[in-house]
Amino acid sequence: MADAPNIPDEAEVRARWGNFAWTDENQKKANEILARYPKGREQSCSIPFLDLAQRQVGAETQTQGWLPVPVIEFVARQLGVAYMRIYEVATFYTMFNLAPVGRYHVQVCGTTPCMLRGSDDVLAACKNKGLIKGKTTPDGLFTLTEVECMGNCASAPMVQINDDNYEDLDYDRTVTILEALARGESPKTGTQEPGRHTVEPIGGPTTLTAMVGDNHDYRGEWGA
């Protein structure tokens, strides 16, 4: 299901990112992160360092960010470990992008619960707005990826766009979100179901209903 990253030419990448270094602000953040780990255990902060580096690349390119090889090499040097130790982390977690993405990285869950609840309609909405799976739109705004389960099965189907989740989607709700982002707006995150706050049952609770709104103190009866 995962799409192979379309990595740019190596010479081009090294010319652009070969001198990557922390910004002053991110250097302070890196120092704070590193201080959380005991001496000799610096490799333990591989994930937060990679995340920080990807966000810096994103800030410089006005995208969601990615990890060029020279940037991964920089992180390895910062931690004093072999490049491969950091590369294997970057390639394992889908939170890290190994190729350039757009300003908004639209990750549609296509695993069974989301598929049964209509993820095909979500993908159709993306397609009809010009998004192509594994590609970035010509304006550099959206990159579409189909991913595995992201843990929102109770409010499926869902997508993750950059750092935010959008749940209880259908075709029209997906179109509304994409159009709002294209206009530079910040659409409501989380569930899109009216009246639903998180993942509580739609229409209200179906179990322990006698306890809802009841201020009775059960501690004595339960032996607490």
Protein backbone atom coordinates (compact mmCIF):
# COMPACT_ATOMS: atom_id res chain seq x y z
CA MET A 1 0.00 0.00 0.00
CA ALA A 2 2.88 2.37 0.76
CA ASP A 3 4.12 4.44 -2.17
CA ALA A 4 7.81 4.43 -3.08
CA PRO A 5 9.35 7.85 -2.39
CA ASN A 6 10.38 9.84 -5.46
CA ILE A 7 13.80 11.01 -4.25
CA PRO A 8 15.43 13.84 -6.24
CA ASP A 9 18.84 13.51 -7.91
CA GLU A 10 21.61 13.04 -5.35
CA ALA A 11 23.82 15.82 -6.73
CA GLU A 12 20.91 18.24 -6.55
CA VAL A 13 20.08 17.17 -3.01
CA ARG A 14 23.67 17.53 -1.80
CA ALA A 15 24.02 20.92 -3.43
CA ARG A 16 20.92 22.14 -1.60
CA TRP A 17 21.28 20.40 1.76
CA GLY A 18 24.96 19.49 2.09
CA ASN A 19 25.62 22.33 4.54
CA PHE A 20 22.54 21.76 6.68
CA ALA A 21 22.92 22.93 10.27
CA TRP A 22 20.56 23.79 13.09
CA THR A 23 19.16 27.28 13.20
CA ASP A 24 19.95 29.16 16.41
CA GLU A 25 16.47 28.41 17.73
CA ASN A 26 16.65 24.73 16.83
CA GLN A 27 20.17 24.45 18.28
CA LYS A 28 18.68 25.44 21.64
CA LYS A 29 15.90 22.88 21.18
CA ALA A 30 18.44 20.21 20.22
CA ASN A 31 20.48 20.94 23.34
CA GLU A 32 17.35 20.62 25.47
CA ILE A 33 16.44 17.32 23.82
CA LEU A 34 19.92 15.89 24.20
CA ALA A 35 20.03 16.83 27.88
CA ARG A 36 17.12 14.46 28.58
CA TYR A 37 19.26 11.40 27.88
CA PRO A 38 22.17 9.95 29.89
CA LYS A 39 25.70 10.25 28.59
CA GLY A 40 26.41 7.45 26.15
CA ARG A 41 22.72 7.08 25.26
CA GLU A 42 22.57 9.88 22.72
CA GLN A 43 21.20 7.54 20.06
CA SER A 44 17.97 7.41 22.07
CA CYS A 45 17.03 10.87 20.79
CA SER A 46 17.20 9.83 17.14
CA ILE A 47 13.46 10.29 16.68
CA PRO A 48 13.15 13.79 18.21
CA PHE A 49 16.27 14.94 16.34
CA LEU A 50 14.90 13.64 13.04
CA ASP A 51 11.56 15.29 13.75
CA LEU A 52 13.27 18.59 14.54
CA ALA A 53 15.36 18.35 11.37
CA GLN A 54 12.32 17.56 9.22
CA ARG A 55 10.45 20.53 10.67
CA GLN A 56 13.41 22.80 9.93
CA VAL A 57 13.49 21.61 6.33
CA GLY A 58 9.75 22.23 6.19
CA ALA A 59 10.14 25.75 7.51
CA GLU A 60 12.83 26.49 4.91
CA THR A 61 10.78 25.09 2.04
CA GLN A 62 7.30 26.11 3.26
CA THR A 63 6.20 22.48 3.15
CA GLN A 64 5.50 19.77 5.69
CA GLY A 65 9.19 18.88 5.46
CA TRP A 66 11.31 15.87 4.52
CA LEU A 67 14.68 14.29 5.33
CA PRO A 68 17.32 14.56 2.58
CA VAL A 69 20.24 12.17 3.02
CA PRO A 70 22.68 14.99 3.99
CA VAL A 71 20.27 16.01 6.74
CA ILE A 72 20.14 12.45 8.08
CA GLU A 73 23.95 12.41 7.94
CA PHE A 74 23.97 15.65 9.94
CA VAL A 75 21.77 14.10 12.63
CA ALA A 76 24.07 11.06 12.80
CA ARG A 77 27.09 13.33 13.31
CA GLN A 78 25.28 15.27 15.98
CA LEU A 79 24.64 12.06 17.89
CA GLY A 80 28.01 10.51 17.20
CA VAL A 81 26.60 7.33 15.68
CA ALA A 82 26.84 5.61 12.30
CA TYR A 83 24.67 7.05 9.54
CA MET A 84 22.92 3.70 9.09
CA ARG A 85 21.66 3.77 12.70
CA ILE A 86 19.76 6.97 11.96
CA TYR A 87 18.74 6.00 8.43
CA GLU A 88 17.07 2.81 9.67
CA VAL A 89 14.97 4.88 12.08
CA ALA A 90 13.99 7.36 9.37
CA THR A 91 12.96 4.57 7.02
CA PHE A 92 11.00 2.64 9.67
CA TYR A 93 8.60 5.35 10.81
CA THR A 94 6.16 6.79 8.29
CA MET A 95 6.14 10.07 10.20
CA PHE A 96 9.39 10.79 8.40
CA ASN A 97 9.28 11.76 4.72
CA LEU A 98 12.14 10.51 2.58
CA ALA A 99 11.13 12.63 -0.40
CA PRO A 100 9.80 16.18 -0.76
CA VAL A 101 6.12 16.71 0.05
CA GLY A 102 3.77 19.64 -0.32
CA ARG A 103 2.68 22.19 2.22
CA TYR A 104 -0.05 19.78 3.29
CA HIS A 105 0.74 16.08 3.46
CA VAL A 106 -2.61 14.31 3.19
CA GLN A 107 -2.29 10.78 4.59
CA VAL A 108 -5.44 8.74 4.03
CA CYS A 109 -5.89 5.61 6.11
CA GLY A 110 -6.87 2.68 3.92
CA THR A 111 -6.82 -0.08 6.53
CA THR A 112 -9.89 -2.30 7.03
CA PRO A 113 -11.92 -0.19 9.56
CA CYS A 114 -11.49 2.97 7.49
CA MET A 115 -12.09 1.09 4.24
CA LEU A 116 -15.35 -0.37 5.58
CA ARG A 117 -16.43 3.09 6.72
CA GLY A 118 -15.75 4.80 3.40
CA SER A 119 -12.08 5.60 2.89
CA ASP A 120 -12.63 5.01 -0.84
CA ASP A 121 -14.92 8.06 -0.82
CA VAL A 122 -12.18 10.05 0.94
CA LEU A 123 -9.67 9.04 -1.74
CA ALA A 124 -12.22 9.87 -4.45
CA ALA A 125 -12.66 13.34 -2.99
CA CYS A 126 -8.90 13.82 -3.00
CA LYS A 127 -8.68 12.61 -6.60
CA ASN A 128 -11.43 14.93 -7.74
CA LYS A 129 -9.60 17.87 -6.15
CA GLY A 130 -6.55 17.06 -8.26
CA LEU A 131 -4.57 15.00 -5.75
CA ILE A 132 -2.80 11.89 -7.09
CA LYS A 133 -1.58 9.18 -4.74
CA GLY A 134 2.17 9.35 -4.30
CA LYS A 135 2.40 12.74 -6.03
CA THR A 136 2.46 16.42 -5.14
CA THR A 137 0.06 18.80 -6.87
CA PRO A 138 1.66 21.18 -9.42
CA ASP A 139 1.11 24.16 -7.10
CA GLY A 140 3.10 22.39 -4.38
CA LEU A 141 0.17 22.54 -2.00
CA PHE A 142 -0.86 18.90 -1.45
CA THR A 143 0.86 15.53 -1.37
CA LEU A 144 -1.39 12.48 -1.16
CA THR A 145 -0.31 9.24 0.52
CA GLU A 146 -2.28 6.15 1.49
CA VAL A 147 -1.12 4.77 4.83
CA GLU A 148 -1.81 1.99 7.29
CA CYS A 149 -3.86 2.28 10.48
CA MET A 150 -3.27 5.45 12.50
CA GLY A 151 -5.38 4.42 15.48
CA ASN A 152 -8.63 6.30 14.88
CA CYS A 153 -10.77 3.26 14.11
CA ALA A 154 -13.66 4.42 16.32
CA SER A 155 -14.03 7.56 14.23
CA ALA A 156 -13.19 6.13 10.82
CA PRO A 157 -12.61 7.04 8.08
CA MET A 158 -9.88 9.53 8.82
CA VAL A 159 -6.93 11.37 7.37
CA GLN A 160 -3.87 12.92 8.94
CA ILE A 161 -2.80 16.22 7.41
CA ASN A 162 0.56 17.36 8.76
CA ASP A 163 0.11 17.25 12.56
CA ASP A 164 -3.69 17.12 12.62
CA ASN A 165 -6.26 14.34 12.35
CA TYR A 166 -9.63 14.73 10.63
CA GLU A 167 -12.16 12.02 11.47
CA ASP A 168 -15.67 10.80 10.66
CA LEU A 169 -15.13 11.83 7.07
CA ASP A 170 -17.15 11.34 3.93
CA TYR A 171 -16.76 12.71 0.41
CA ASP A 172 -18.22 16.16 1.09
CA ARG A 173 -16.46 16.66 4.41
CA THR A 174 -13.13 15.80 2.81
CA VAL A 175 -13.71 18.27 0.00
CA THR A 176 -14.61 20.98 2.54
CA ILE A 177 -11.36 20.42 4.45
CA LEU A 178 -9.19 20.44 1.33
CA GLU A 179 -10.83 23.59 0.00
CA ALA A 180 -10.39 25.36 3.34
CA LEU A 181 -6.69 24.47 3.45
CA ALA A 182 -6.25 25.66 -0.14
CA ARG A 183 -7.71 29.03 0.91
CA GLY A 184 -5.20 29.25 3.76
CA GLU A 185 -7.80 28.60 6.43
CA SER A 186 -7.59 26.25 9.43
CA PRO A 187 -10.52 23.82 9.30
CA LYS A 188 -11.81 22.15 12.45
CA THR A 189 -9.65 19.20 13.44
CA GLY A 190 -10.76 15.91 14.97
CA THR A 191 -14.22 14.50 14.39
CA GLN A 192 -16.35 16.17 11.72
CA GLU A 193 -19.56 14.62 13.08
CA PRO A 194 -21.90 17.35 14.41
CA GLY A 195 -22.41 17.04 18.16
CA ARG A 196 -19.58 14.55 18.60
CA HIS A 197 -16.60 15.70 20.64
CA THR A 198 -14.15 12.80 20.55
CA VAL A 199 -15.04 9.16 19.98
CA GLU A 200 -18.08 8.82 22.24
CA PRO A 201 -21.01 6.94 20.67
CA ILE A 202 -22.92 8.93 18.07
CA GLY A 203 -26.32 9.69 19.57
CA GLY A 204 -25.19 9.37 23.15
CA PRO A 205 -24.02 6.60 25.50
CA THR A 206 -25.44 3.10 25.14
CA THR A 207 -24.03 1.56 28.32
CA LEU A 208 -24.10 2.64 31.97
CA THR A 209 -26.82 5.09 30.98
CA ALA A 210 -28.23 5.13 34.53
CA MET A 211 -24.98 6.71 35.73
CA VAL A 212 -24.99 9.59 33.25
CA GLY A 213 -25.63 12.79 35.16
CA ASP A 214 -26.04 10.86 38.43
CA ASN A 215 -24.06 12.41 41.28
CA HIS A 216 -24.54 9.39 43.56
CA ASP A 217 -21.34 8.46 45.39
CA TYR A 218 -20.64 4.77 44.69
CA ARG A 219 -17.39 4.61 46.61
CA GLY A 220 -18.95 3.14 49.73
CA GLU A 221 -20.83 0.49 47.76
CA TRP A 222 -17.73 -0.46 45.75
CA GLY A 223 -15.52 -0.55 48.80
CA ALA A 224 -13.26 2.28 47.58
